[in-house]
Protein backbone atom coordinates (compact mmCIF):
# COMPACT_ATOMS: atom_id res chain seq x y z
CA MET A 1 53.67 -88.52 110.19
CA ALA A 2 53.35 -85.09 108.60
CA SER A 3 54.13 -86.62 105.20
CA LEU A 4 51.28 -89.10 105.67
CA GLN A 5 48.82 -86.30 106.43
CA LYS A 6 50.11 -84.36 103.41
CA ALA A 7 49.58 -87.40 101.18
CA VAL A 8 46.03 -87.80 102.50
CA ASN A 9 45.27 -84.15 101.73
CA GLN A 10 46.71 -84.55 98.22
CA GLN A 11 44.53 -87.63 97.74
CA LEU A 12 41.39 -85.78 98.76
CA GLN A 13 42.20 -82.69 96.67
CA GLY A 14 43.76 -84.27 93.57
CA GLN A 15 41.68 -87.35 92.93
CA GLN A 16 38.03 -88.20 93.19
CA TRP A 17 37.61 -91.74 94.46
CA ARG A 18 35.41 -93.59 92.04
CA LEU A 19 33.23 -96.29 93.56
CA ALA A 20 33.01 -97.83 90.10
CA ASN A 21 36.59 -99.00 90.59
CA LYS A 22 36.31 -102.77 90.39
CA ARG A 23 39.26 -103.25 92.72
CA LEU A 24 37.03 -102.05 95.54
CA ILE A 25 35.25 -105.41 95.34
CA LEU A 26 38.03 -106.96 97.45
CA PRO A 27 38.03 -104.52 100.41
CA ILE A 28 34.22 -104.36 100.36
CA ALA A 29 34.04 -108.17 100.48
CA LEU A 30 36.59 -108.21 103.29
CA LEU A 31 34.60 -105.62 105.24
CA ALA A 32 31.43 -107.70 104.80
CA LEU A 33 33.21 -110.77 106.12
CA LEU A 34 34.59 -108.79 109.06
CA VAL A 35 31.18 -107.47 110.17
CA THR A 36 29.58 -110.93 109.87
CA PRO A 37 29.98 -112.60 113.28
CA SER A 38 30.39 -116.11 111.88
CA THR A 39 33.28 -115.16 109.58
CA MET A 40 34.89 -112.32 111.52
CA GLU A 41 37.47 -114.41 113.39
CA LEU A 42 38.44 -116.36 110.27
CA THR A 43 38.83 -113.17 108.20
CA VAL A 44 40.91 -111.44 110.88
CA SER A 45 43.18 -114.50 110.96
CA VAL A 46 43.56 -114.53 107.16
CA LEU A 47 44.27 -110.79 106.98
CA SER A 48 46.72 -110.94 109.87
CA ASP A 49 48.61 -113.90 108.41
CA ALA A 50 48.66 -112.27 104.97
CA PHE A 51 50.15 -109.08 106.41
CA TRP A 52 52.65 -110.43 108.96
CA GLN A 53 53.69 -113.65 107.21
CA VAL A 54 53.54 -112.54 103.56
CA ALA A 55 53.26 -108.79 102.91
CA SER A 56 55.93 -107.81 105.44
CA TYR A 57 58.47 -110.24 104.03
CA VAL A 58 57.56 -109.45 100.42
CA ALA A 59 57.96 -105.70 101.09
CA ALA A 60 61.35 -106.27 102.75
CA THR A 61 62.50 -108.51 99.88
CA LEU A 62 61.31 -105.98 97.28
CA ALA A 63 62.97 -103.08 99.08
CA LEU A 64 66.29 -104.93 99.14
CA TYR A 65 65.88 -105.96 95.50
CA HIS A 66 65.07 -102.45 94.25
CA LEU A 67 67.81 -100.91 96.40
CA ILE A 68 70.46 -103.23 94.99
CA ALA A 69 69.16 -102.81 91.42
CA SER A 70 69.28 -99.02 91.69
CA LYS A 71 72.90 -99.14 92.88
CA LEU A 72 74.19 -101.39 90.11
CA ASN A 73 76.00 -99.58 87.32
CA GLN A 74 75.25 -100.61 83.78
CA ASN A 75 78.17 -102.43 82.17
CA SER A 76 79.02 -100.64 78.93
CA ASN A 77 80.80 -103.74 77.59
CA LEU A 78 77.79 -106.01 78.07
CA SER A 79 76.07 -105.11 74.77
CA ASN A 80 79.25 -105.87 72.81
CA VAL A 81 79.65 -109.27 74.46
CA LEU A 82 76.00 -110.20 73.82
CA ALA A 83 76.10 -109.01 70.21
CA ASN A 84 78.92 -111.44 69.39
CA SER A 85 77.47 -114.63 70.84
CA SER A 86 73.97 -116.10 71.04
CA ARG A 87 75.34 -118.45 73.69
CA TYR A 88 76.00 -115.52 76.01
CA GLN A 89 72.64 -114.03 75.07
CA VAL A 90 70.87 -117.10 76.40
CA ILE A 91 72.92 -117.03 79.62
CA PHE A 92 72.05 -113.37 80.08
CA ALA A 93 68.36 -114.01 79.37
CA SER A 94 68.21 -116.93 81.82
CA PHE A 95 69.77 -114.78 84.51
CA MET A 96 67.36 -111.91 83.85
CA GLY A 97 64.43 -114.32 83.97
CA ALA A 98 65.64 -115.89 87.22
CA LEU A 99 65.56 -112.51 88.95
CA PRO A 100 62.36 -112.16 91.04
CA GLY A 101 59.71 -110.02 89.40
CA CYS A 102 58.99 -109.33 85.75
CA GLY A 103 61.35 -106.46 84.94
CA GLY A 104 64.23 -108.61 83.68
CA ALA A 105 62.00 -110.65 81.39
CA ILE A 106 60.40 -107.54 79.90
CA VAL A 107 63.87 -106.14 79.12
CA VAL A 108 64.79 -109.32 77.22
CA ILE A 109 61.55 -109.26 75.21
CA THR A 110 62.12 -105.68 74.04
CA GLN A 111 65.77 -106.41 73.22
CA TYR A 112 64.71 -109.40 71.09
CA VAL A 113 62.27 -107.28 69.12
CA SER A 114 64.95 -104.64 68.50
CA GLY A 115 67.28 -107.32 67.10
CA LYS A 116 69.79 -107.45 69.96
CA LEU A 117 68.92 -110.88 71.43
CA SER A 118 68.04 -114.23 69.88
CA PHE A 119 64.76 -116.15 69.91
CA GLY A 120 66.43 -118.69 72.19
CA ALA A 121 66.93 -115.86 74.69
CA VAL A 122 63.16 -115.27 74.64
CA VAL A 123 62.48 -118.94 75.34
CA ALA A 124 65.14 -118.90 78.07
CA VAL A 125 63.76 -115.85 79.86
CA LEU A 126 60.12 -116.98 79.70
CA THR A 127 61.11 -120.41 81.00
CA ALA A 128 63.31 -119.07 83.80
CA THR A 129 60.98 -116.37 85.12
CA MET A 130 58.53 -116.85 87.99
CA GLY A 131 57.39 -113.24 87.99
CA ASP A 132 56.09 -111.76 91.24
CA ALA A 133 55.26 -115.23 92.57
CA ALA A 134 59.00 -115.58 93.25
CA PHE A 135 58.81 -112.84 95.90
CA LEU A 136 55.97 -114.67 97.64
CA LEU A 137 57.75 -118.03 97.59
CA LEU A 138 61.02 -116.50 98.80
CA ALA A 139 59.18 -114.79 101.66
CA ALA A 140 57.21 -117.85 102.78
CA LYS A 141 59.63 -120.68 101.96
CA PRO A 142 63.04 -119.23 101.07
CA GLU A 143 64.77 -122.57 100.51
CA ILE A 144 62.08 -123.71 98.08
CA GLY A 145 62.06 -120.29 96.42
CA LEU A 146 65.82 -120.40 95.82
CA ALA A 147 65.52 -123.95 94.49
CA MET A 148 62.79 -122.88 92.04
CA ILE A 149 64.91 -119.97 90.84
CA ALA A 150 67.93 -122.23 90.33
CA ILE A 151 65.91 -124.86 88.48
CA GLY A 152 64.27 -122.21 86.30
CA PHE A 153 67.67 -120.77 85.40
CA VAL A 154 69.10 -124.15 84.38
CA VAL A 155 66.01 -125.26 82.45
CA GLY A 156 65.80 -121.88 80.71
CA LEU A 157 69.48 -122.04 79.79
CA VAL A 158 69.26 -125.50 78.24
CA SER A 159 65.97 -124.73 76.49
CA GLY A 160 67.32 -121.51 74.98
CA TRP A 161 70.47 -123.15 73.65
CA ILE A 162 68.49 -126.00 72.09
CA VAL A 163 66.03 -123.59 70.43
CA ASP A 164 68.82 -121.44 68.99
CA ALA A 165 70.58 -124.54 67.68
CA PHE A 166 67.44 -125.54 65.75
CA HIS A 167 66.05 -122.16 64.68
CA GLY A 168 68.88 -119.65 64.71
CA GLN A 169 68.92 -116.22 66.31
CA ASP A 170 66.38 -114.36 64.15
CA PHE A 171 63.61 -116.95 64.22
CA MET A 172 60.15 -115.28 64.13
CA ARG A 173 61.57 -111.82 64.80
CA PRO A 174 59.01 -109.16 63.71
CA VAL A 175 60.05 -106.94 60.82
CA GLN A 176 60.54 -103.22 61.51
CA PRO A 177 58.56 -102.98 64.76
CA GLN A 178 57.05 -99.58 65.36
CA GLU A 179 58.11 -99.51 68.97
CA THR A 180 60.81 -101.55 70.66
CA GLN A 181 61.12 -99.96 74.07
CA SER A 182 58.79 -100.51 76.98
CA LYS A 183 57.72 -97.19 78.39
CA PRO A 184 56.67 -96.77 81.99
CA VAL A 185 53.19 -95.35 82.19
CA GLU A 186 52.94 -91.81 83.43
CA ASP A 187 49.82 -92.00 85.56
CA HIS A 188 49.63 -88.37 86.63
CA GLY A 189 45.98 -88.52 87.53
CA LYS A 190 46.62 -91.20 90.11
CA GLN A 191 49.92 -90.08 91.58
CA PRO A 192 48.39 -89.06 94.95
CA ALA A 193 47.11 -92.60 95.60
CA LEU A 194 50.45 -94.07 94.56
CA ARG A 195 52.20 -91.72 96.97
CA MET A 196 49.87 -92.80 99.75
CA GLN A 197 50.83 -96.42 99.16
CA GLY A 198 54.48 -95.44 99.26
CA VAL A 199 54.07 -93.41 102.46
CA PHE A 200 52.25 -96.31 104.12
CA TRP A 201 55.09 -98.75 103.46
CA LYS A 202 57.74 -96.14 104.21
CA TRP A 203 56.47 -96.02 107.78
CA ALA A 204 55.34 -99.66 108.05
CA LEU A 205 58.29 -101.49 106.47
CA ILE A 206 60.73 -101.61 109.39
CA PRO A 207 58.25 -102.23 112.27
CA ALA A 208 56.32 -104.76 110.17
CA SER A 209 59.53 -106.61 109.31
CA ILE A 210 60.58 -106.72 112.99
CA ILE A 211 57.22 -108.05 114.12
CA ALA A 212 57.16 -110.57 111.26
CA ILE A 213 60.58 -111.91 112.25
CA MET A 214 59.53 -112.11 115.91
CA GLY A 215 56.45 -114.05 114.88
CA SER A 216 58.53 -116.44 112.78
CA LEU A 217 60.71 -117.05 115.86
CA GLN A 218 57.56 -118.05 117.79
CA ILE A 219 57.85 -115.07 120.15
CA ASP A 220 54.62 -114.07 121.92
CA ILE A 221 54.44 -110.50 120.64
CA ASP A 222 51.33 -109.60 122.66
CA HIS A 223 53.10 -110.67 125.86
CA ILE A 224 56.35 -108.88 125.00
CA PHE A 225 54.56 -105.55 124.42
CA HIS A 226 52.06 -106.10 127.28
CA LEU A 227 49.09 -106.20 124.95
CA ASN A 228 45.84 -108.09 125.31
CA ALA A 229 45.84 -111.51 123.67
CA GLY A 230 45.13 -111.27 119.96
CA THR A 231 45.93 -107.56 119.70
CA ILE A 232 48.75 -108.04 117.19
CA SER A 233 46.39 -110.06 114.96
CA TYR A 234 43.90 -107.21 114.89
CA ILE A 235 46.70 -104.73 114.14
CA GLY A 236 47.84 -106.91 111.24
CA ALA A 237 44.28 -107.24 109.94
CA GLY A 238 43.80 -103.48 110.14
CA ALA A 239 47.07 -102.83 108.33
CA ALA A 240 46.11 -105.31 105.62
CA MET A 241 42.72 -103.64 105.17
CA LEU A 242 44.35 -100.21 104.87
CA ALA A 243 46.86 -101.53 102.33
CA MET A 244 44.04 -103.07 100.29
CA LEU A 245 42.04 -99.83 100.34
CA LEU A 246 45.05 -97.86 99.10
CA TRP A 247 45.68 -100.49 96.41
CA ALA A 248 42.01 -100.60 95.36
CA THR A 249 41.75 -96.84 94.85
CA SER A 250 45.02 -96.45 92.97
CA ARG A 251 43.91 -97.76 89.59
CA ASP A 252 40.84 -98.93 87.68
CA VAL A 253 40.48 -102.47 86.43
CA THR A 254 39.60 -102.05 82.76
CA ASP A 255 40.82 -105.29 81.23
CA TYR A 256 42.42 -108.64 82.01
CA GLN A 257 45.94 -107.22 82.13
CA SER A 258 45.07 -104.53 84.68
CA ALA A 259 43.62 -107.26 86.93
CA VAL A 260 46.41 -109.84 86.85
CA ALA A 261 49.55 -107.75 86.20
CA GLU A 262 51.42 -105.44 88.54
CA ASP A 263 50.69 -101.74 88.17
CA PRO A 264 52.86 -99.80 85.70
CA LYS A 265 55.44 -97.62 87.43
CA SER A 266 55.83 -93.89 86.94
CA THR A 267 59.29 -92.81 85.86
CA THR A 268 59.37 -90.59 88.95
CA SER A 269 58.37 -93.35 91.39
CA ASN A 270 60.69 -93.65 94.35
CA LEU A 271 61.75 -96.82 96.13
CA PHE A 272 58.79 -97.00 98.51
CA GLN A 273 56.24 -96.36 95.77
CA ARG A 274 57.59 -99.29 93.75
CA VAL A 275 57.69 -101.49 96.85
CA ALA A 276 54.13 -100.53 97.77
CA GLN A 277 52.64 -101.12 94.33
CA ASP A 278 54.13 -104.60 93.96
CA THR A 279 53.62 -105.61 97.60
CA ASN A 280 49.96 -104.62 97.64
CA PHE A 281 49.36 -106.35 94.31
CA VAL A 282 50.89 -109.60 95.58
CA THR A 283 49.05 -109.29 98.91
CA SER A 284 45.68 -108.81 97.21
CA TRP A 285 46.02 -112.10 95.35
CA VAL A 286 47.37 -113.87 98.44
CA ILE A 287 44.41 -112.71 100.53
CA GLY A 288 42.04 -113.90 97.81
CA ALA A 289 43.72 -117.32 97.68
CA PHE A 290 43.83 -117.71 101.47
CA LEU A 291 40.17 -116.72 101.78
CA ILE A 292 39.07 -119.14 99.06
CA PHE A 293 40.94 -121.93 100.86
CA GLU A 294 39.68 -121.13 104.37
CA LEU A 295 36.09 -120.26 103.41
CA THR A 296 35.79 -123.47 101.39
CA ILE A 297 36.63 -125.44 104.52
CA PHE A 298 34.43 -123.23 106.73
CA TRP A 299 31.29 -123.30 104.57
CA THR A 300 31.46 -126.79 103.09
CA GLY A 301 33.53 -128.78 105.54
CA LEU A 302 35.63 -129.99 102.62
CA ASP A 303 39.39 -129.98 102.87
CA PRO A 304 40.79 -128.73 99.53
CA LYS A 305 43.99 -130.66 100.19
CA ALA A 306 42.02 -133.89 100.51
CA VAL A 307 39.93 -133.05 97.44
CA PHE A 308 43.00 -132.26 95.37
CA SER A 309 44.67 -135.48 96.53
CA ASN A 310 42.03 -137.45 94.62
CA TRP A 311 43.27 -135.73 91.47
CA ALA A 312 46.94 -135.90 92.37
CA ILE A 313 48.11 -137.00 88.94
CA MET A 314 46.38 -133.99 87.34
CA LEU A 315 47.79 -131.34 89.68
CA PRO A 316 51.17 -130.94 87.91
CA LEU A 317 49.26 -130.45 84.65
CA MET A 318 47.01 -127.91 86.37
CA GLY A 319 50.05 -125.93 87.52
CA VAL A 320 51.50 -125.96 84.00
CA LEU A 321 48.24 -124.91 82.33
CA ILE A 322 47.66 -122.02 84.75
CA GLY A 323 51.21 -120.96 84.01
CA LEU A 324 50.20 -120.37 80.40
CA LEU A 325 47.90 -117.51 81.48
CA PRO A 326 49.56 -114.09 81.09
CA GLY A 327 50.15 -112.05 84.22
CA CYS A 328 51.38 -112.75 87.73
CA GLY A 329 48.01 -112.97 89.49
CA PRO A 330 47.10 -116.57 88.56
CA GLN A 331 50.66 -117.66 89.36
CA ILE A 332 50.50 -116.05 92.81
CA LEU A 333 47.26 -117.99 93.33
CA VAL A 334 49.02 -121.31 92.61
CA THR A 335 51.94 -120.40 94.86
CA SER A 336 49.54 -119.44 97.65
CA LEU A 337 47.79 -122.80 97.33
CA TYR A 338 51.17 -124.54 97.51
CA ILE A 339 52.16 -122.58 100.63
CA SER A 340 48.84 -123.45 102.28
CA GLY A 341 49.43 -127.13 101.50
CA ALA A 342 46.54 -127.53 99.06
CA VAL A 343 48.71 -128.49 96.07
CA PRO A 344 52.02 -130.40 95.97
CA LEU A 345 55.47 -129.19 95.01
CA SER A 346 55.20 -130.81 91.58
CA ALA A 347 52.35 -128.43 90.70
CA GLN A 348 54.38 -125.49 91.96
CA LEU A 349 57.40 -126.63 89.95
CA GLY A 350 55.38 -126.99 86.76
CA ASN A 351 53.83 -123.56 87.25
CA ALA A 352 57.17 -121.92 88.02
CA ILE A 353 58.69 -123.13 84.74
CA SER A 354 55.66 -122.65 82.47
CA ASN A 355 54.55 -119.22 83.72
CA ASP A 356 55.77 -116.12 81.90
CA GLY A 357 54.50 -113.51 84.34
CA ASP A 358 53.81 -110.01 83.08
CA ALA A 359 56.49 -110.38 80.38
CA LEU A 360 53.99 -112.16 78.16
CA PHE A 361 51.96 -108.96 77.70
CA PRO A 362 54.69 -106.96 75.89
CA ALA A 363 55.69 -110.15 74.06
CA ILE A 364 52.15 -110.54 72.70
CA ALA A 365 52.00 -106.84 71.79
CA LEU A 366 55.40 -106.64 70.09
CA ALA A 367 55.85 -110.13 68.63
CA PRO A 368 52.67 -112.21 68.99
CA LYS A 369 53.80 -115.17 66.87
CA ALA A 370 57.13 -115.41 68.67
CA ALA A 371 55.35 -115.10 72.04
CA LEU A 372 53.02 -117.99 71.21
CA MET A 373 55.86 -120.19 69.98
CA ALA A 374 58.07 -119.38 72.98
CA THR A 375 55.20 -120.18 75.35
CA ILE A 376 54.70 -123.56 73.66
CA TYR A 377 58.41 -124.29 73.92
CA SER A 378 58.46 -123.42 77.64
CA THR A 379 55.52 -125.76 78.30
CA LEU A 380 57.38 -128.95 77.35
CA PRO A 381 60.21 -128.65 79.93
CA ALA A 382 57.61 -127.63 82.52
CA LEU A 383 55.66 -130.85 81.96
CA ILE A 384 58.84 -132.94 82.02
CA ALA A 385 60.12 -131.35 85.23
CA ALA A 386 56.76 -131.43 87.03
CA TYR A 387 55.94 -135.05 86.25
CA SER A 388 59.52 -136.21 86.80
CA TYR A 389 59.35 -134.81 90.32
CA TYR A 390 55.86 -136.24 90.79
CA TRP A 391 56.83 -139.80 89.82
CA MET A 392 60.13 -139.76 91.71
CA PHE A 393 59.16 -138.05 94.96
CA GLU A 394 55.38 -137.82 95.32
């Protein structure tokens, strides 16, 4: 615990917390709901579920993902193989897009701009990627998450090959781009807060994962540890609040991208810092989605699932259209609504294929025309897949 105290001291000495930080809106709203007697129990339940059922599994999945990625050696022959065949380029891009998170897709975008991958590879990676929403779906419904990843890979593969067959490899490639490599942001002024997030999950990851698994196995955790009934829910709610405070004070929200995209990583970030940044980002959107769902029922008496069912034929289209928005935040919102039962699988499927995650931001910056065209091309298979599933199974 000495490292936690050290991180707190660094936070207090190295960074002045700015109340103007718009991210503080979330923890302040949560605190207001917690101190209001009528909404306290509901908010504790939402925070506890978000921490034990979502954040814990997402953190564990991210830790495993980053650990494996850091151990993999780069294949020196890969660039030669890709340079000689656009067919292999599309396969590579589909695989990179199918990986949870946005890192693989961003790599493909920068490689396209530098002339090393085809336009079909861009379409393939944007079609295959689910962004950070994949971590959430894998944590909450692993079988559905794996199915979405597999479908995205296949649809991206076919789409990329078709696009290359029609347009060729250099279609819409920008001429002499000034910058072709994505550079992690060195956020020296905010390193203490990032370290605090990392220290929190360094100590919380293993016990949180154990408790989450016990809860999934329907084990009465309060009884096992001889705690008063409901104690573990309050612990989860408190942990979620602390995670949201650390997330809220780590970075300002200055534009749309900083609100809906995961935080840029420092080149010196360690495993737990990366896990913390992405986990807390996903959790913040999940808490927002869960609260919107539960408070709508609490305050209005309306059941969003019943309301949405009256517009069932429009829900797949809704999922596809939200997928067109850059960033992972809106996509996490759709996935959260699917997990809560508010929207059907067809909407989730359409969103998973149409959404481009955070990869759309560098695509717009480096090759805006190609990004727009690739997004349009990824929308068509999303509509086909979503409505095919809707008509056949829903």
